[in-house]
Amino acid sequence: MLGAGTVAQALARHAIRQGHEVVLSNSRGPDSLAPLVRELGPLAGAATPAEAAGADLVVLAVGWPRVPEVAAVLPRLDGTVVVDATNQFASLHPKPRIADLGDLTGSEYVASLLPGARVVKAFNSLFAQYIAADPRHAAGRQVLFLAGDDAGAKRTVSGLADSFGFAPVDLGPLREGGRLIQLGGPLSALHVLKQD
């Protein structure tokens, strides 16, 4: 986990429940995460962002203004699946503003900062409380939209999300699919259940 905020913690809890080891990181250093690691239990650990990026799958869950500085301290992520859970908020409350990336989607921009990484956009279009909650409901499972240019990476993320209880829906490539679920897109903040 690159980041240790509400989204990263929610995903860490889901992963740990499925028996995965999780490494969290933040800008303040591993020691600052000791209480959270103790709370999460023996499958949780803390490291620097560069160390955490050595995992089999990396989740980018930091505030948008910090994305370039986090990317700058990472080693090359050749072949690594990176889940981009960010939203391109240039500023937040009280005057939220979407960053102007020209023709690029947020995840295309992220991918440009992480050459060689297999970027999948996911977990950005849901509010954190819906990610943290059990995605299984009496009426169905919480839909998780995702997009990416690498079919294998999307299968990996879909399988993981499915194991958490979500119903993954592949929207296609980062450009077209990413545009649907990024801030301002028609599927952003859309909470949908899939009947099973």
N, C-alpha and C. Protein backbone atom coordinates (compact mmCIF):
# COMPACT_ATOMS: atom_id res chain seq x y z
N MET A 1 0.84 -1.18 0.00
CA MET A 1 0.00 0.00 0.00
C MET A 1 0.88 1.24 0.00
N LEU A 2 0.74 2.04 -1.02
CA LEU A 2 1.37 3.36 -1.06
C LEU A 2 0.31 4.32 -0.53
N GLY A 3 0.42 4.63 0.75
CA GLY A 3 -0.61 5.37 1.45
C GLY A 3 -1.15 4.51 2.58
N ALA A 4 -1.67 5.16 3.60
CA ALA A 4 -2.21 4.42 4.74
C ALA A 4 -3.47 5.10 5.26
N GLY A 5 -4.17 5.80 4.37
CA GLY A 5 -5.41 6.46 4.74
C GLY A 5 -6.60 5.52 4.72
N THR A 6 -7.79 6.07 4.62
CA THR A 6 -9.00 5.26 4.77
C THR A 6 -9.14 4.21 3.67
N VAL A 7 -8.83 4.56 2.43
CA VAL A 7 -8.95 3.58 1.34
C VAL A 7 -7.91 2.48 1.49
N ALA A 8 -6.67 2.85 1.74
CA ALA A 8 -5.61 1.85 1.93
C ALA A 8 -5.92 0.94 3.10
N GLN A 9 -6.40 1.50 4.19
CA GLN A 9 -6.74 0.67 5.35
C GLN A 9 -7.90 -0.27 5.05
N ALA A 10 -8.90 0.22 4.32
CA ALA A 10 -10.04 -0.64 3.97
C ALA A 10 -9.59 -1.81 3.12
N LEU A 11 -8.75 -1.55 2.13
CA LEU A 11 -8.26 -2.62 1.26
C LEU A 11 -7.34 -3.56 2.03
N ALA A 12 -6.54 -3.01 2.94
CA ALA A 12 -5.66 -3.85 3.75
C ALA A 12 -6.49 -4.83 4.59
N ARG A 13 -7.57 -4.36 5.16
CA ARG A 13 -8.41 -5.23 5.99
C ARG A 13 -9.04 -6.36 5.16
N HIS A 14 -9.53 -6.01 3.97
CA HIS A 14 -10.08 -7.05 3.08
C HIS A 14 -8.99 -8.08 2.74
N ALA A 15 -7.81 -7.59 2.38
CA ALA A 15 -6.72 -8.49 1.98
C ALA A 15 -6.32 -9.41 3.13
N ILE A 16 -6.20 -8.85 4.32
CA ILE A 16 -5.80 -9.64 5.48
C ILE A 16 -6.85 -10.71 5.78
N ARG A 17 -8.13 -10.36 5.65
CA ARG A 17 -9.19 -11.35 5.88
C ARG A 17 -9.07 -12.53 4.92
N GLN A 18 -8.48 -12.27 3.74
CA GLN A 18 -8.29 -13.34 2.76
C GLN A 18 -6.93 -14.03 2.91
N GLY A 19 -6.18 -13.67 3.95
CA GLY A 19 -4.92 -14.34 4.24
C GLY A 19 -3.70 -13.75 3.53
N HIS A 20 -3.84 -12.56 2.94
CA HIS A 20 -2.72 -11.92 2.26
C HIS A 20 -1.88 -11.11 3.25
N GLU A 21 -0.58 -11.09 3.02
CA GLU A 21 0.29 -10.19 3.77
C GLU A 21 0.18 -8.80 3.16
N VAL A 22 0.17 -7.79 4.00
CA VAL A 22 0.00 -6.40 3.56
C VAL A 22 1.10 -5.55 4.16
N VAL A 23 1.68 -4.69 3.33
CA VAL A 23 2.69 -3.74 3.79
C VAL A 23 2.17 -2.34 3.51
N LEU A 24 2.03 -1.54 4.56
CA LEU A 24 1.56 -0.16 4.41
C LEU A 24 2.74 0.79 4.44
N SER A 25 2.57 1.93 3.78
CA SER A 25 3.62 2.95 3.79
C SER A 25 2.98 4.33 3.77
N ASN A 26 3.74 5.30 4.23
CA ASN A 26 3.29 6.69 4.17
C ASN A 26 4.52 7.60 4.13
N SER A 27 4.27 8.89 4.13
CA SER A 27 5.38 9.85 4.03
C SER A 27 6.08 10.06 5.37
N ARG A 28 5.46 9.64 6.47
CA ARG A 28 6.03 9.88 7.80
C ARG A 28 6.92 8.75 8.28
N GLY A 29 6.98 7.66 7.55
CA GLY A 29 7.87 6.57 7.90
C GLY A 29 7.17 5.42 8.62
N PRO A 30 7.78 4.23 8.57
CA PRO A 30 7.17 3.02 9.13
C PRO A 30 6.82 3.12 10.61
N ASP A 31 7.63 3.82 11.40
CA ASP A 31 7.35 3.90 12.84
C ASP A 31 6.00 4.55 13.13
N SER A 32 5.60 5.49 12.29
CA SER A 32 4.32 6.17 12.51
C SER A 32 3.14 5.24 12.28
N LEU A 33 3.39 4.11 11.63
CA LEU A 33 2.30 3.16 11.34
C LEU A 33 2.23 2.02 12.35
N ALA A 34 3.10 2.04 13.36
CA ALA A 34 3.15 0.93 14.33
C ALA A 34 1.80 0.64 14.99
N PRO A 35 1.06 1.66 15.46
CA PRO A 35 -0.24 1.35 16.08
C PRO A 35 -1.21 0.68 15.11
N LEU A 36 -1.25 1.15 13.88
CA LEU A 36 -2.14 0.54 12.87
C LEU A 36 -1.72 -0.89 12.57
N VAL A 37 -0.43 -1.13 12.44
CA VAL A 37 0.07 -2.47 12.15
C VAL A 37 -0.30 -3.43 13.29
N ARG A 38 -0.16 -2.96 14.54
CA ARG A 38 -0.55 -3.80 15.68
C ARG A 38 -2.04 -4.13 15.62
N GLU A 39 -2.84 -3.13 15.28
CA GLU A 39 -4.29 -3.33 15.20
C GLU A 39 -4.65 -4.34 14.10
N LEU A 40 -3.96 -4.26 12.96
CA LEU A 40 -4.28 -5.14 11.83
C LEU A 40 -3.81 -6.57 12.05
N GLY A 41 -2.79 -6.76 12.87
CA GLY A 41 -2.38 -8.11 13.21
C GLY A 41 -1.14 -8.59 12.48
N PRO A 42 -0.83 -9.89 12.65
CA PRO A 42 0.46 -10.43 12.19
C PRO A 42 0.68 -10.43 10.68
N LEU A 43 -0.37 -10.29 9.89
CA LEU A 43 -0.19 -10.26 8.43
C LEU A 43 0.12 -8.85 7.92
N ALA A 44 0.14 -7.88 8.82
CA ALA A 44 0.41 -6.49 8.43
C ALA A 44 1.82 -6.08 8.80
N GLY A 45 2.40 -5.22 7.98
CA GLY A 45 3.70 -4.66 8.26
C GLY A 45 3.75 -3.24 7.73
N ALA A 46 4.86 -2.56 8.01
CA ALA A 46 5.05 -1.19 7.54
C ALA A 46 6.43 -1.06 6.93
N ALA A 47 6.56 -0.18 5.96
CA ALA A 47 7.83 0.03 5.26
C ALA A 47 7.82 1.41 4.63
N THR A 48 8.93 1.74 4.01
CA THR A 48 8.96 2.97 3.21
C THR A 48 8.19 2.71 1.92
N PRO A 49 7.75 3.76 1.21
CA PRO A 49 7.08 3.53 -0.07
C PRO A 49 7.93 2.72 -1.05
N ALA A 50 9.23 3.00 -1.12
CA ALA A 50 10.09 2.26 -2.05
C ALA A 50 10.13 0.78 -1.70
N GLU A 51 10.15 0.46 -0.40
CA GLU A 51 10.14 -0.94 0.02
C GLU A 51 8.79 -1.59 -0.23
N ALA A 52 7.71 -0.86 0.06
CA ALA A 52 6.36 -1.40 -0.15
C ALA A 52 6.11 -1.69 -1.62
N ALA A 53 6.73 -0.91 -2.49
CA ALA A 53 6.54 -1.10 -3.93
C ALA A 53 7.16 -2.39 -4.45
N GLY A 54 7.89 -3.11 -3.61
CA GLY A 54 8.45 -4.38 -4.01
C GLY A 54 7.46 -5.53 -3.93
N ALA A 55 6.22 -5.27 -3.51
CA ALA A 55 5.20 -6.31 -3.38
C ALA A 55 4.75 -6.81 -4.75
N ASP A 56 4.07 -7.94 -4.73
CA ASP A 56 3.55 -8.53 -5.97
C ASP A 56 2.50 -7.63 -6.61
N LEU A 57 1.72 -6.96 -5.78
CA LEU A 57 0.68 -6.04 -6.26
C LEU A 57 0.77 -4.79 -5.39
N VAL A 58 0.71 -3.64 -6.02
CA VAL A 58 0.87 -2.36 -5.32
C VAL A 58 -0.40 -1.54 -5.48
N VAL A 59 -0.87 -0.96 -4.39
CA VAL A 59 -2.03 -0.07 -4.43
C VAL A 59 -1.55 1.36 -4.20
N LEU A 60 -1.86 2.24 -5.14
CA LEU A 60 -1.55 3.66 -5.01
C LEU A 60 -2.78 4.36 -4.47
N ALA A 61 -2.71 4.77 -3.20
CA ALA A 61 -3.86 5.39 -2.54
C ALA A 61 -3.40 6.59 -1.72
N VAL A 62 -2.86 7.58 -2.42
CA VAL A 62 -2.42 8.82 -1.78
C VAL A 62 -3.22 9.97 -2.38
N GLY A 63 -3.18 11.11 -1.69
CA GLY A 63 -3.84 12.29 -2.24
C GLY A 63 -3.21 12.69 -3.57
N TRP A 64 -4.02 13.16 -4.50
CA TRP A 64 -3.56 13.46 -5.85
C TRP A 64 -2.33 14.37 -5.90
N PRO A 65 -2.27 15.45 -5.11
CA PRO A 65 -1.09 16.32 -5.21
C PRO A 65 0.22 15.60 -4.85
N ARG A 66 0.14 14.48 -4.14
CA ARG A 66 1.34 13.76 -3.72
C ARG A 66 1.77 12.68 -4.71
N VAL A 67 0.96 12.41 -5.72
CA VAL A 67 1.27 11.32 -6.66
C VAL A 67 2.66 11.49 -7.30
N PRO A 68 3.03 12.65 -7.84
CA PRO A 68 4.35 12.76 -8.46
C PRO A 68 5.50 12.52 -7.49
N GLU A 69 5.40 13.03 -6.26
CA GLU A 69 6.51 12.85 -5.32
C GLU A 69 6.62 11.40 -4.88
N VAL A 70 5.49 10.69 -4.75
CA VAL A 70 5.55 9.26 -4.40
C VAL A 70 6.17 8.49 -5.56
N ALA A 71 5.72 8.76 -6.77
CA ALA A 71 6.26 8.07 -7.94
C ALA A 71 7.76 8.28 -8.06
N ALA A 72 8.22 9.46 -7.68
CA ALA A 72 9.64 9.80 -7.84
C ALA A 72 10.55 8.98 -6.92
N VAL A 73 10.04 8.46 -5.80
CA VAL A 73 10.89 7.71 -4.87
C VAL A 73 10.81 6.20 -5.09
N LEU A 74 10.01 5.77 -6.05
CA LEU A 74 9.84 4.34 -6.28
C LEU A 74 10.88 3.80 -7.24
N PRO A 75 11.26 2.54 -7.08
CA PRO A 75 12.10 1.89 -8.09
C PRO A 75 11.25 1.65 -9.34
N ARG A 76 11.89 1.26 -10.43
CA ARG A 76 11.09 0.89 -11.62
C ARG A 76 10.20 -0.29 -11.27
N LEU A 77 8.96 -0.22 -11.73
CA LEU A 77 7.98 -1.25 -11.40
C LEU A 77 7.68 -2.12 -12.61
N ASP A 78 8.70 -2.52 -13.31
CA ASP A 78 8.51 -3.31 -14.53
C ASP A 78 7.69 -4.56 -14.25
N GLY A 79 6.54 -4.66 -14.89
CA GLY A 79 5.69 -5.83 -14.77
C GLY A 79 4.81 -5.87 -13.53
N THR A 80 4.98 -4.92 -12.61
CA THR A 80 4.20 -4.91 -11.38
C THR A 80 2.78 -4.40 -11.64
N VAL A 81 1.79 -5.10 -11.08
CA VAL A 81 0.41 -4.63 -11.16
C VAL A 81 0.24 -3.52 -10.14
N VAL A 82 -0.17 -2.35 -10.61
CA VAL A 82 -0.41 -1.20 -9.73
C VAL A 82 -1.88 -0.82 -9.82
N VAL A 83 -2.58 -0.91 -8.70
CA VAL A 83 -3.97 -0.48 -8.63
C VAL A 83 -3.97 1.01 -8.32
N ASP A 84 -4.49 1.79 -9.26
CA ASP A 84 -4.56 3.24 -9.07
C ASP A 84 -5.92 3.58 -8.47
N ALA A 85 -5.91 3.87 -7.17
CA ALA A 85 -7.15 4.20 -6.46
C ALA A 85 -7.28 5.71 -6.23
N THR A 86 -6.50 6.49 -6.97
CA THR A 86 -6.49 7.94 -6.76
C THR A 86 -7.62 8.63 -7.52
N ASN A 87 -7.91 9.84 -7.12
CA ASN A 87 -8.81 10.73 -7.84
C ASN A 87 -8.10 12.06 -8.02
N GLN A 88 -8.23 12.65 -9.20
CA GLN A 88 -7.44 13.83 -9.53
C GLN A 88 -8.02 15.13 -8.98
N PHE A 89 -8.10 15.17 -7.64
CA PHE A 89 -8.50 16.40 -6.95
C PHE A 89 -7.28 17.30 -6.82
N ALA A 90 -7.28 18.42 -7.51
CA ALA A 90 -6.20 19.39 -7.34
C ALA A 90 -6.31 20.05 -5.98
N SER A 91 -7.54 20.23 -5.50
CA SER A 91 -7.77 20.75 -4.15
C SER A 91 -9.07 20.15 -3.64
N LEU A 92 -9.18 20.11 -2.31
CA LEU A 92 -10.35 19.50 -1.68
C LEU A 92 -11.21 20.58 -1.03
N HIS A 93 -12.04 20.16 -0.10
CA HIS A 93 -12.95 21.04 0.63
C HIS A 93 -12.19 22.25 1.19
N PRO A 94 -12.71 23.44 1.16
CA PRO A 94 -14.09 23.78 0.85
C PRO A 94 -14.34 24.06 -0.63
N LYS A 95 -13.30 24.13 -1.44
CA LYS A 95 -13.50 24.41 -2.87
C LYS A 95 -12.84 23.31 -3.68
N PRO A 96 -13.50 22.15 -3.81
CA PRO A 96 -12.88 21.06 -4.56
C PRO A 96 -12.69 21.45 -6.03
N ARG A 97 -11.54 21.03 -6.56
CA ARG A 97 -11.22 21.36 -7.95
C ARG A 97 -10.54 20.15 -8.59
N ILE A 98 -10.98 19.83 -9.81
CA ILE A 98 -10.41 18.70 -10.54
C ILE A 98 -9.18 19.18 -11.30
N ALA A 99 -8.08 18.41 -11.19
CA ALA A 99 -6.84 18.77 -11.89
C ALA A 99 -7.06 18.72 -13.40
N ASP A 100 -6.50 19.68 -14.09
CA ASP A 100 -6.59 19.73 -15.55
C ASP A 100 -5.42 18.94 -16.14
N LEU A 101 -5.71 17.80 -16.72
CA LEU A 101 -4.68 16.95 -17.32
C LEU A 101 -4.74 16.97 -18.84
N GLY A 102 -5.46 17.95 -19.38
CA GLY A 102 -5.59 18.00 -20.84
C GLY A 102 -6.37 16.80 -21.33
N ASP A 103 -5.83 16.09 -22.29
CA ASP A 103 -6.52 14.96 -22.90
C ASP A 103 -6.32 13.66 -22.12
N LEU A 104 -5.41 13.66 -21.14
CA LEU A 104 -5.11 12.43 -20.41
C LEU A 104 -6.15 12.14 -19.34
N THR A 105 -6.42 10.86 -19.12
CA THR A 105 -7.19 10.47 -17.94
C THR A 105 -6.22 10.47 -16.75
N GLY A 106 -6.77 10.45 -15.55
CA GLY A 106 -5.93 10.42 -14.37
C GLY A 106 -5.00 9.22 -14.35
N SER A 107 -5.51 8.06 -14.76
CA SER A 107 -4.68 6.85 -14.73
C SER A 107 -3.65 6.83 -15.85
N GLU A 108 -3.94 7.44 -16.97
CA GLU A 108 -2.91 7.56 -18.01
C GLU A 108 -1.76 8.41 -17.49
N TYR A 109 -2.10 9.46 -16.75
CA TYR A 109 -1.06 10.30 -16.16
C TYR A 109 -0.25 9.48 -15.14
N VAL A 110 -0.94 8.74 -14.28
CA VAL A 110 -0.25 7.89 -13.30
C VAL A 110 0.66 6.90 -14.01
N ALA A 111 0.15 6.27 -15.06
CA ALA A 111 0.96 5.29 -15.81
C ALA A 111 2.20 5.95 -16.41
N SER A 112 2.07 7.20 -16.82
CA SER A 112 3.23 7.90 -17.40
C SER A 112 4.33 8.12 -16.36
N LEU A 113 3.95 8.18 -15.08
CA LEU A 113 4.92 8.37 -13.99
C LEU A 113 5.53 7.05 -13.52
N LEU A 114 4.92 5.93 -13.92
CA LEU A 114 5.36 4.61 -13.48
C LEU A 114 5.66 3.72 -14.68
N PRO A 115 6.68 4.06 -15.46
CA PRO A 115 6.97 3.28 -16.67
C PRO A 115 7.20 1.81 -16.34
N GLY A 116 6.60 0.96 -17.15
CA GLY A 116 6.74 -0.48 -16.96
C GLY A 116 5.69 -1.09 -16.06
N ALA A 117 5.00 -0.27 -15.26
CA ALA A 117 3.96 -0.80 -14.37
C ALA A 117 2.71 -1.15 -15.18
N ARG A 118 1.97 -2.13 -14.71
CA ARG A 118 0.72 -2.56 -15.33
C ARG A 118 -0.41 -1.94 -14.52
N VAL A 119 -0.83 -0.73 -14.90
CA VAL A 119 -1.75 0.08 -14.11
C VAL A 119 -3.20 -0.33 -14.37
N VAL A 120 -3.94 -0.53 -13.28
CA VAL A 120 -5.37 -0.81 -13.34
C VAL A 120 -6.07 0.23 -12.46
N LYS A 121 -7.01 0.95 -13.05
CA LYS A 121 -7.81 1.92 -12.29
C LYS A 121 -8.91 1.17 -11.57
N ALA A 122 -8.98 1.29 -10.25
CA ALA A 122 -10.01 0.61 -9.46
C ALA A 122 -10.08 1.22 -8.07
N PHE A 123 -11.21 1.05 -7.43
CA PHE A 123 -11.45 1.49 -6.06
C PHE A 123 -11.44 3.01 -5.92
N ASN A 124 -11.46 3.74 -7.01
CA ASN A 124 -11.47 5.20 -6.92
C ASN A 124 -12.88 5.77 -6.98
N SER A 125 -13.81 5.03 -7.59
CA SER A 125 -15.13 5.61 -7.82
C SER A 125 -16.09 5.36 -6.66
N LEU A 126 -15.67 4.58 -5.67
CA LEU A 126 -16.49 4.32 -4.49
C LEU A 126 -16.02 5.17 -3.31
N PHE A 127 -16.96 5.66 -2.53
CA PHE A 127 -16.59 6.33 -1.29
C PHE A 127 -15.94 5.31 -0.37
N ALA A 128 -15.02 5.75 0.46
CA ALA A 128 -14.24 4.83 1.30
C ALA A 128 -15.13 3.96 2.19
N GLN A 129 -16.24 4.49 2.68
CA GLN A 129 -17.08 3.68 3.57
C GLN A 129 -17.69 2.49 2.84
N TYR A 130 -17.87 2.61 1.52
CA TYR A 130 -18.42 1.49 0.74
C TYR A 130 -17.33 0.47 0.40
N ILE A 131 -16.10 0.93 0.36
CA ILE A 131 -14.99 -0.01 0.17
C ILE A 131 -14.76 -0.79 1.46
N ALA A 132 -14.84 -0.11 2.59
CA ALA A 132 -14.56 -0.73 3.89
C ALA A 132 -15.64 -1.73 4.29
N ALA A 133 -16.88 -1.45 3.94
CA ALA A 133 -17.99 -2.31 4.35
C ALA A 133 -17.96 -3.65 3.61
N ASP A 134 -18.68 -4.62 4.13
CA ASP A 134 -18.82 -5.90 3.45
C ASP A 134 -19.53 -5.64 2.12
N PRO A 135 -18.92 -5.99 0.98
CA PRO A 135 -19.54 -5.70 -0.31
C PRO A 135 -20.70 -6.64 -0.64
N ARG A 136 -20.91 -7.64 0.18
CA ARG A 136 -22.01 -8.58 -0.05
C ARG A 136 -23.26 -8.07 0.68
N HIS A 137 -24.35 -7.94 -0.06
CA HIS A 137 -25.61 -7.46 0.50
C HIS A 137 -26.70 -8.46 0.16
N ALA A 138 -27.82 -8.36 0.84
CA ALA A 138 -28.93 -9.28 0.56
C ALA A 138 -29.38 -9.16 -0.89
N ALA A 139 -29.29 -7.95 -1.45
CA ALA A 139 -29.75 -7.73 -2.82
C ALA A 139 -28.67 -8.00 -3.87
N GLY A 140 -27.45 -8.25 -3.45
CA GLY A 140 -26.38 -8.50 -4.41
C GLY A 140 -25.05 -8.00 -3.88
N ARG A 141 -24.05 -7.98 -4.78
CA ARG A 141 -22.70 -7.55 -4.39
C ARG A 141 -22.41 -6.16 -4.95
N GLN A 142 -21.63 -5.40 -4.18
CA GLN A 142 -21.21 -4.06 -4.62
C GLN A 142 -20.38 -4.18 -5.89
N VAL A 143 -20.79 -3.47 -6.92
CA VAL A 143 -20.05 -3.46 -8.19
C VAL A 143 -18.77 -2.66 -8.02
N LEU A 144 -17.69 -3.19 -8.55
CA LEU A 144 -16.41 -2.48 -8.58
C LEU A 144 -16.02 -2.30 -10.03
N PHE A 145 -16.06 -1.06 -10.50
CA PHE A 145 -15.63 -0.75 -11.86
C PHE A 145 -14.11 -0.72 -11.90
N LEU A 146 -13.54 -1.22 -13.00
CA LEU A 146 -12.10 -1.14 -13.19
C LEU A 146 -11.78 -0.98 -14.66
N ALA A 147 -10.59 -0.46 -14.93
CA ALA A 147 -10.14 -0.24 -16.30
C ALA A 147 -8.63 -0.40 -16.35
N GLY A 148 -8.12 -0.83 -17.49
CA GLY A 148 -6.69 -0.98 -17.65
C GLY A 148 -6.34 -1.45 -19.05
N ASP A 149 -5.07 -1.30 -19.41
CA ASP A 149 -4.62 -1.66 -20.74
C ASP A 149 -4.03 -3.07 -20.80
N ASP A 150 -3.81 -3.69 -19.65
CA ASP A 150 -3.18 -5.00 -19.58
C ASP A 150 -4.23 -6.02 -19.11
N ALA A 151 -4.61 -6.95 -19.98
CA ALA A 151 -5.67 -7.91 -19.67
C ALA A 151 -5.31 -8.78 -18.48
N GLY A 152 -4.06 -9.22 -18.39
CA GLY A 152 -3.64 -10.05 -17.28
C GLY A 152 -3.70 -9.32 -15.96
N ALA A 153 -3.29 -8.05 -15.97
CA ALA A 153 -3.36 -7.24 -14.74
C ALA A 153 -4.80 -7.06 -14.30
N LYS A 154 -5.69 -6.84 -15.26
CA LYS A 154 -7.11 -6.69 -14.91
C LYS A 154 -7.68 -7.99 -14.34
N ARG A 155 -7.26 -9.12 -14.88
CA ARG A 155 -7.72 -10.41 -14.33
C ARG A 155 -7.24 -10.56 -12.88
N THR A 156 -6.00 -10.16 -12.62
CA THR A 156 -5.47 -10.25 -11.26
C THR A 156 -6.29 -9.39 -10.30
N VAL A 157 -6.54 -8.14 -10.68
CA VAL A 157 -7.29 -7.23 -9.81
C VAL A 157 -8.75 -7.69 -9.68
N SER A 158 -9.34 -8.16 -10.77
CA SER A 158 -10.71 -8.67 -10.71
C SER A 158 -10.82 -9.85 -9.77
N GLY A 159 -9.86 -10.77 -9.86
CA GLY A 159 -9.87 -11.94 -8.99
C GLY A 159 -9.75 -11.56 -7.53
N LEU A 160 -8.86 -10.61 -7.25
CA LEU A 160 -8.68 -10.15 -5.87
C LEU A 160 -9.96 -9.48 -5.36
N ALA A 161 -10.53 -8.59 -6.18
CA ALA A 161 -11.76 -7.90 -5.78
C ALA A 161 -12.90 -8.89 -5.56
N ASP A 162 -12.99 -9.88 -6.43
CA ASP A 162 -14.02 -10.91 -6.30
C ASP A 162 -13.84 -11.67 -4.98
N SER A 163 -12.59 -11.97 -4.63
CA SER A 163 -12.34 -12.69 -3.37
C SER A 163 -12.73 -11.85 -2.16
N PHE A 164 -12.69 -10.53 -2.30
CA PHE A 164 -13.11 -9.63 -1.22
C PHE A 164 -14.63 -9.59 -1.11
N GLY A 165 -15.34 -10.01 -2.18
CA GLY A 165 -16.80 -9.97 -2.20
C GLY A 165 -17.38 -8.98 -3.18
N PHE A 166 -16.54 -8.19 -3.86
CA PHE A 166 -17.03 -7.24 -4.85
C PHE A 166 -17.41 -7.96 -6.15
N ALA A 167 -18.21 -7.29 -6.98
CA ALA A 167 -18.55 -7.79 -8.30
C ALA A 167 -17.82 -6.93 -9.32
N PRO A 168 -16.65 -7.36 -9.81
CA PRO A 168 -15.86 -6.53 -10.72
C PRO A 168 -16.51 -6.41 -12.09
N VAL A 169 -16.44 -5.20 -12.65
CA VAL A 169 -16.94 -4.93 -14.00
C VAL A 169 -15.83 -4.23 -14.77
N ASP A 170 -15.34 -4.89 -15.81
CA ASP A 170 -14.24 -4.38 -16.64
C ASP A 170 -14.80 -3.39 -17.66
N LEU A 171 -14.33 -2.15 -17.60
CA LEU A 171 -14.80 -1.10 -18.51
C LEU A 171 -13.89 -0.88 -19.70
N GLY A 172 -12.85 -1.70 -19.84
CA GLY A 172 -11.97 -1.55 -20.99
C GLY A 172 -10.67 -0.85 -20.64
N PRO A 173 -10.06 -0.17 -21.62
CA PRO A 173 -8.74 0.45 -21.43
C PRO A 173 -8.76 1.67 -20.50
N LEU A 174 -7.55 2.09 -20.11
CA LEU A 174 -7.42 3.26 -19.23
C LEU A 174 -8.06 4.51 -19.83
N ARG A 175 -7.92 4.67 -21.14
CA ARG A 175 -8.46 5.90 -21.75
C ARG A 175 -9.98 5.90 -21.71
N GLU A 176 -10.60 4.91 -22.31
CA GLU A 176 -12.07 4.92 -22.39
C GLU A 176 -12.71 4.56 -21.04
N GLY A 177 -12.26 3.45 -20.45
CA GLY A 177 -12.84 3.03 -19.18
C GLY A 177 -12.49 3.96 -18.04
N GLY A 178 -11.23 4.41 -18.03
CA GLY A 178 -10.80 5.32 -16.98
C GLY A 178 -11.59 6.62 -17.00
N ARG A 179 -11.93 7.09 -18.19
CA ARG A 179 -12.70 8.33 -18.32
C ARG A 179 -14.10 8.17 -17.70
N LEU A 180 -14.66 6.95 -17.77
CA LEU A 180 -16.00 6.71 -17.22
C LEU A 180 -16.02 6.78 -15.69
N ILE A 181 -14.91 6.35 -15.05
CA ILE A 181 -14.93 6.26 -13.58
C ILE A 181 -14.11 7.32 -12.86
N GLN A 182 -13.37 8.14 -13.61
CA GLN A 182 -12.62 9.19 -12.92
C GLN A 182 -13.56 10.32 -12.53
N LEU A 183 -13.06 11.25 -11.73
CA LEU A 183 -13.87 12.39 -11.30
C LEU A 183 -14.53 13.05 -12.49
N GLY A 184 -15.82 13.30 -12.38
CA GLY A 184 -16.55 13.93 -13.47
C GLY A 184 -17.10 12.95 -14.47
N GLY A 185 -16.65 11.70 -14.42
CA GLY A 185 -17.15 10.68 -15.34
C GLY A 185 -18.54 10.19 -14.93
N PRO A 186 -19.28 9.61 -15.87
CA PRO A 186 -20.67 9.22 -15.58
C PRO A 186 -20.82 8.11 -14.54
N LEU A 187 -19.76 7.33 -14.29
CA LEU A 187 -19.85 6.25 -13.31
C LEU A 187 -19.14 6.59 -11.99
N SER A 188 -18.59 7.79 -11.90
CA SER A 188 -17.92 8.21 -10.66
C SER A 188 -18.95 8.34 -9.55
N ALA A 189 -18.67 7.71 -8.40
CA ALA A 189 -19.54 7.75 -7.22
C ALA A 189 -20.87 7.05 -7.45
N LEU A 190 -20.96 6.21 -8.47
CA LEU A 190 -22.18 5.43 -8.71
C LEU A 190 -22.08 4.13 -7.92
N HIS A 191 -22.99 3.92 -7.01
CA HIS A 191 -22.99 2.72 -6.17
C HIS A 191 -24.07 1.78 -6.68
N VAL A 192 -23.64 0.64 -7.19
CA VAL A 192 -24.54 -0.29 -7.85
C VAL A 192 -24.32 -1.68 -7.27
N LEU A 193 -25.40 -2.44 -7.12
CA LEU A 193 -25.30 -3.84 -6.70
C LEU A 193 -25.58 -4.74 -7.89
N LYS A 194 -24.80 -5.80 -7.99
CA LYS A 194 -25.02 -6.81 -9.02
C LYS A 194 -25.74 -7.99 -8.39
N GLN A 195 -26.87 -8.35 -8.97
CA GLN A 195 -27.62 -9.49 -8.47
C GLN A 195 -26.89 -10.78 -8.84
N ASP A 196 -26.73 -11.65 -7.88
CA ASP A 196 -26.07 -12.94 -8.14
C ASP A 196 -27.08 -14.07 -8.20
